[in-house]
Amino acid sequence: MTPLDGDFAELIFSSHLRLVGEPLCPSAGKSEPDAARWLYERAPFGRLAHDTSADPQFIYANSTAQGCFGYSWDEFVGLPSRLSARPDSQADRDAFVRAVTEHHYATGYRGIRIGRSGEPFWIEDVTMWDLLDGEGRIHGQAAVFRSWTPADM
């Protein structure tokens, strides 16, 4: 997959609309390449996705998320998603992921994350949902965080 994969962007948009009940992208109706470019380069939120493996690994991170965490695309993709949270924040993160697994989406999360530099920061106003295709197959989970702030710890 590449950051501008139109099919993956469509899965993100359609599963969000299907499960959360609202569009994620204001450019609904644009071509897949345009929507994928908007999601990766211009979305005003951090956007992440991980796969369905036993120890889920990131398969997507838009440029906003890369900037917050301090990783490039190549460093992010393949990184176990559990490493985005500090060890003392794992229980909170795991509970949110379980809620998504049980209900297909969850909203209103706020949690501490850790960047490549080791500096903690808050992700806030998080929505996470299953990447559920039109045939009912789950390809992973996706999340958006609409704000982020440094954590004073």
C-alpha atoms as a PDB file:
ATOM      1  CA  MET A   1       0.000   0.000   0.000  1.00  0.00           C
ATOM      2  CA  THR A   2       1.066   3.569  -0.614  1.00  0.00           C
ATOM      3  CA  PRO A   3      -0.035   6.756   1.184  1.00  0.00           C
ATOM      4  CA  LEU A   4      -2.165   7.697  -1.837  1.00  0.00           C
ATOM      5  CA  ASP A   5      -3.877   4.320  -2.365  1.00  0.00           C
ATOM      6  CA  GLY A   6      -7.350   5.235  -3.659  1.00  0.00           C
ATOM      7  CA  ASP A   7      -8.916   1.867  -2.836  1.00  0.00           C
ATOM      8  CA  PHE A   8      -7.729   2.070   0.768  1.00  0.00           C
ATOM      9  CA  ALA A   9      -8.965   5.657   1.080  1.00  0.00           C
ATOM     10  CA  GLU A  10     -12.362   4.479  -0.165  1.00  0.00           C
ATOM     11  CA  LEU A  11     -12.396   1.713   2.487  1.00  0.00           C
ATOM     12  CA  ILE A  12     -11.607   4.320   5.155  1.00  0.00           C
ATOM     13  CA  PHE A  13     -14.347   6.703   3.979  1.00  0.00           C
ATOM     14  CA  SER A  14     -17.035   4.087   3.333  1.00  0.00           C
ATOM     15  CA  SER A  15     -16.504   2.184   6.587  1.00  0.00           C
ATOM     16  CA  HIS A  16     -16.529   5.439   8.584  1.00  0.00           C
ATOM     17  CA  LEU A  17     -19.785   6.504   6.940  1.00  0.00           C
ATOM     18  CA  ARG A  18     -21.333   3.037   7.381  1.00  0.00           C
ATOM     19  CA  LEU A  19     -20.358   2.615  11.043  1.00  0.00           C
ATOM     20  CA  VAL A  20     -20.104   6.146  12.476  1.00  0.00           C
ATOM     21  CA  GLY A  21     -22.915   7.560  10.351  1.00  0.00           C
ATOM     22  CA  GLU A  22     -21.191  10.673   9.042  1.00  0.00           C
ATOM     23  CA  PRO A  23     -18.762  11.459   6.242  1.00  0.00           C
ATOM     24  CA  LEU A  24     -15.103  11.750   7.156  1.00  0.00           C
ATOM     25  CA  CYS A  25     -14.101  13.733   4.093  1.00  0.00           C
ATOM     26  CA  PRO A  26     -15.687  17.009   2.983  1.00  0.00           C
ATOM     27  CA  SER A  27     -14.694  16.153  -0.579  1.00  0.00           C
ATOM     28  CA  ALA A  28     -17.173  13.281  -0.822  1.00  0.00           C
ATOM     29  CA  GLY A  29     -17.833  12.608  -4.458  1.00  0.00           C
ATOM     30  CA  LYS A  30     -14.295  13.481  -5.591  1.00  0.00           C
ATOM     31  CA  SER A  31     -12.265  10.892  -7.397  1.00  0.00           C
ATOM     32  CA  GLU A  32     -10.497   8.302  -5.266  1.00  0.00           C
ATOM     33  CA  PRO A  33      -7.024   9.747  -6.020  1.00  0.00           C
ATOM     34  CA  ASP A  34      -8.181  13.242  -4.977  1.00  0.00           C
ATOM     35  CA  ALA A  35      -9.793  11.943  -1.784  1.00  0.00           C
ATOM     36  CA  ALA A  36      -6.704   9.855  -0.983  1.00  0.00           C
ATOM     37  CA  ARG A  37      -4.451  12.888  -1.481  1.00  0.00           C
ATOM     38  CA  TRP A  38      -6.688  15.035   0.760  1.00  0.00           C
ATOM     39  CA  LEU A  39      -6.670  12.354   3.478  1.00  0.00           C
ATOM     40  CA  TYR A  40      -2.900  11.957   3.383  1.00  0.00           C
ATOM     41  CA  GLU A  41      -1.729  15.528   2.795  1.00  0.00           C
ATOM     42  CA  ARG A  42      -4.423  17.976   3.907  1.00  0.00           C
ATOM     43  CA  ALA A  43      -6.797  16.378   6.420  1.00  0.00           C
ATOM     44  CA  PRO A  44      -7.031  18.580   9.532  1.00  0.00           C
ATOM     45  CA  PHE A  45      -6.716  15.536  11.798  1.00  0.00           C
ATOM     46  CA  GLY A  46      -4.310  12.706  12.482  1.00  0.00           C
ATOM     47  CA  ARG A  47      -5.344   9.486  10.761  1.00  0.00           C
ATOM     48  CA  LEU A  48      -3.979   6.038  11.591  1.00  0.00           C
ATOM     49  CA  ALA A  49      -4.874   2.437  10.761  1.00  0.00           C
ATOM     50  CA  HIS A  50      -3.604  -0.913  11.907  1.00  0.00           C
ATOM     51  CA  ASP A  51      -4.143  -4.410  10.545  1.00  0.00           C
ATOM     52  CA  THR A  52      -5.850  -7.455  12.087  1.00  0.00           C
ATOM     53  CA  SER A  53      -2.734  -9.399  13.106  1.00  0.00           C
ATOM     54  CA  ALA A  54      -2.380 -10.754  16.662  1.00  0.00           C
ATOM     55  CA  ASP A  55      -0.042  -7.844  17.444  1.00  0.00           C
ATOM     56  CA  PRO A  56      -1.589  -5.228  15.124  1.00  0.00           C
ATOM     57  CA  GLN A  57       0.836  -3.204  13.025  1.00  0.00           C
ATOM     58  CA  PHE A  58       0.246   0.205  11.496  1.00  0.00           C
ATOM     59  CA  ILE A  59      -0.648   0.076   7.828  1.00  0.00           C
ATOM     60  CA  TYR A  60      -1.409   3.786   7.402  1.00  0.00           C
ATOM     61  CA  ALA A  61      -0.512   7.144   8.941  1.00  0.00           C
ATOM     62  CA  ASN A  62      -1.320  10.452   7.281  1.00  0.00           C
ATOM     63  CA  SER A  63       1.146  13.337   7.283  1.00  0.00           C
ATOM     64  CA  THR A  64      -0.518  14.958  10.326  1.00  0.00           C
ATOM     65  CA  ALA A  65      -0.101  11.759  12.355  1.00  0.00           C
ATOM     66  CA  GLN A  66       3.483  11.377  11.113  1.00  0.00           C
ATOM     67  CA  GLY A  67       4.245  14.909  12.299  1.00  0.00           C
ATOM     68  CA  CYS A  68       2.713  14.312  15.734  1.00  0.00           C
ATOM     69  CA  PHE A  69       4.550  11.039  16.300  1.00  0.00           C
ATOM     70  CA  GLY A  70       7.764  12.057  14.529  1.00  0.00           C
ATOM     71  CA  TYR A  71       7.922   9.031  12.213  1.00  0.00           C
ATOM     72  CA  SER A  72       8.168   8.942   8.431  1.00  0.00           C
ATOM     73  CA  TRP A  73       5.776   6.763   6.404  1.00  0.00           C
ATOM     74  CA  ASP A  74       8.400   4.005   6.146  1.00  0.00           C
ATOM     75  CA  GLU A  75       9.065   4.087   9.899  1.00  0.00           C
ATOM     76  CA  PHE A  76       5.355   4.085  10.801  1.00  0.00           C
ATOM     77  CA  VAL A  77       4.122   1.324   8.514  1.00  0.00           C
ATOM     78  CA  GLY A  78       4.922  -2.015  10.145  1.00  0.00           C
ATOM     79  CA  LEU A  79       5.354  -0.545  13.643  1.00  0.00           C
ATOM     80  CA  PRO A  80       3.242  -2.427  16.224  1.00  0.00           C
ATOM     81  CA  SER A  81       0.417  -0.045  17.127  1.00  0.00           C
ATOM     82  CA  ARG A  82       0.794  -0.842  20.839  1.00  0.00           C
ATOM     83  CA  LEU A  83       4.120   1.036  20.728  1.00  0.00           C
ATOM     84  CA  SER A  84       2.231   4.287  20.143  1.00  0.00           C
ATOM     85  CA  ALA A  85       1.295   4.293  23.843  1.00  0.00           C
ATOM     86  CA  ARG A  86       3.581   4.200  26.859  1.00  0.00           C
ATOM     87  CA  PRO A  87       3.526   1.023  28.976  1.00  0.00           C
ATOM     88  CA  ASP A  88       1.575   2.820  31.726  1.00  0.00           C
ATOM     89  CA  SER A  89      -1.072   3.832  29.144  1.00  0.00           C
ATOM     90  CA  GLN A  90      -1.565   0.371  27.606  1.00  0.00           C
ATOM     91  CA  ALA A  91      -4.590  -0.605  29.702  1.00  0.00           C
ATOM     92  CA  ASP A  92      -6.449   2.536  28.661  1.00  0.00           C
ATOM     93  CA  ARG A  93      -5.519   2.053  24.994  1.00  0.00           C
ATOM     94  CA  ASP A  94      -6.446  -1.633  25.074  1.00  0.00           C
ATOM     95  CA  ALA A  95      -9.865  -0.873  26.599  1.00  0.00           C
ATOM     96  CA  PHE A  96     -10.614   1.566  23.772  1.00  0.00           C
ATOM     97  CA  VAL A  97      -9.525  -0.960  21.117  1.00  0.00           C
ATOM     98  CA  ARG A  98     -11.733  -3.615  22.776  1.00  0.00           C
ATOM     99  CA  ALA A  99     -14.725  -1.245  22.677  1.00  0.00           C
ATOM    100  CA  VAL A 100     -14.212  -0.833  18.942  1.00  0.00           C
ATOM    101  CA  THR A 101     -13.907  -4.591  18.488  1.00  0.00           C
ATOM    102  CA  GLU A 102     -17.191  -5.138  20.360  1.00  0.00           C
ATOM    103  CA  HIS A 103     -19.243  -2.291  18.827  1.00  0.00           C
ATOM    104  CA  HIS A 104     -17.411  -1.623  15.510  1.00  0.00           C
ATOM    105  CA  TYR A 105     -16.636   1.975  16.558  1.00  0.00           C
ATOM    106  CA  ALA A 106     -16.113   4.192  19.593  1.00  0.00           C
ATOM    107  CA  THR A 107     -15.788   7.941  20.049  1.00  0.00           C
ATOM    108  CA  GLY A 108     -14.718  10.477  22.636  1.00  0.00           C
ATOM    109  CA  TYR A 109     -11.391   8.922  23.593  1.00  0.00           C
ATOM    110  CA  ARG A 110      -8.497  10.915  25.020  1.00  0.00           C
ATOM    111  CA  GLY A 111      -5.173   9.251  25.718  1.00  0.00           C
ATOM    112  CA  ILE A 112      -1.449   9.720  26.148  1.00  0.00           C
ATOM    113  CA  ARG A 113       0.756   8.725  23.243  1.00  0.00           C
ATOM    114  CA  ILE A 114       4.498   8.713  22.847  1.00  0.00           C
ATOM    115  CA  GLY A 115       6.403  10.090  19.899  1.00  0.00           C
ATOM    116  CA  ARG A 116       9.639   8.858  18.402  1.00  0.00           C
ATOM    117  CA  SER A 117      11.500  11.436  20.506  1.00  0.00           C
ATOM    118  CA  GLY A 118      10.097   9.915  23.696  1.00  0.00           C
ATOM    119  CA  GLU A 119       7.991  12.991  24.435  1.00  0.00           C
ATOM    120  CA  PRO A 120       4.427  12.211  25.522  1.00  0.00           C
ATOM    121  CA  PHE A 121       1.429  14.017  24.077  1.00  0.00           C
ATOM    122  CA  TRP A 122      -2.346  13.807  24.335  1.00  0.00           C
ATOM    123  CA  ILE A 123      -4.511  12.717  21.446  1.00  0.00           C
ATOM    124  CA  GLU A 124      -8.025  14.010  21.928  1.00  0.00           C
ATOM    125  CA  ASP A 125     -11.449  13.773  20.349  1.00  0.00           C
ATOM    126  CA  VAL A 126     -10.579  10.336  18.958  1.00  0.00           C
ATOM    127  CA  THR A 127     -12.945   8.229  16.889  1.00  0.00           C
ATOM    128  CA  MET A 128     -11.917   4.684  16.050  1.00  0.00           C
ATOM    129  CA  TRP A 129     -13.777   2.225  13.843  1.00  0.00           C
ATOM    130  CA  ASP A 130     -13.405  -1.111  12.106  1.00  0.00           C
ATOM    131  CA  LEU A 131     -12.281  -1.037   8.486  1.00  0.00           C
ATOM    132  CA  LEU A 132     -15.356  -2.980   7.424  1.00  0.00           C
ATOM    133  CA  ASP A 133     -15.865  -3.513   3.699  1.00  0.00           C
ATOM    134  CA  GLY A 134     -19.194  -3.853   1.916  1.00  0.00           C
ATOM    135  CA  GLU A 135     -19.054  -7.640   2.223  1.00  0.00           C
ATOM    136  CA  GLY A 136     -18.649  -7.571   6.006  1.00  0.00           C
ATOM    137  CA  ARG A 137     -14.913  -8.353   6.152  1.00  0.00           C
ATOM    138  CA  ILE A 138     -12.810  -6.448   8.692  1.00  0.00           C
ATOM    139  CA  HIS A 139      -9.409  -5.322   7.373  1.00  0.00           C
ATOM    140  CA  GLY A 140      -8.220  -3.627  10.561  1.00  0.00           C
ATOM    141  CA  GLN A 141      -9.140  -0.583  12.592  1.00  0.00           C
ATOM    142  CA  ALA A 142      -8.785   3.098  11.800  1.00  0.00           C
ATOM    143  CA  ALA A 143      -8.675   6.145  14.034  1.00  0.00           C
ATOM    144  CA  VAL A 144      -8.784   9.891  13.711  1.00  0.00           C
ATOM    145  CA  PHE A 145      -7.653  12.279  16.410  1.00  0.00           C
ATOM    146  CA  ARG A 146      -8.873  15.814  15.926  1.00  0.00           C
ATOM    147  CA  SER A 147      -6.589  17.535  18.429  1.00  0.00           C
ATOM    148  CA  TRP A 148      -3.272  16.898  20.156  1.00  0.00           C
ATOM    149  CA  THR A 149      -1.407  18.737  22.875  1.00  0.00           C
ATOM    150  CA  PRO A 150       1.878  18.250  24.733  1.00  0.00           C
ATOM    151  CA  ALA A 151       1.579  16.279  27.955  1.00  0.00           C
ATOM    152  CA  ASP A 152       3.225  17.757  31.011  1.00  0.00           C
ATOM    153  CA  MET A 153       4.502  14.706  32.820  1.00  0.00           C
END
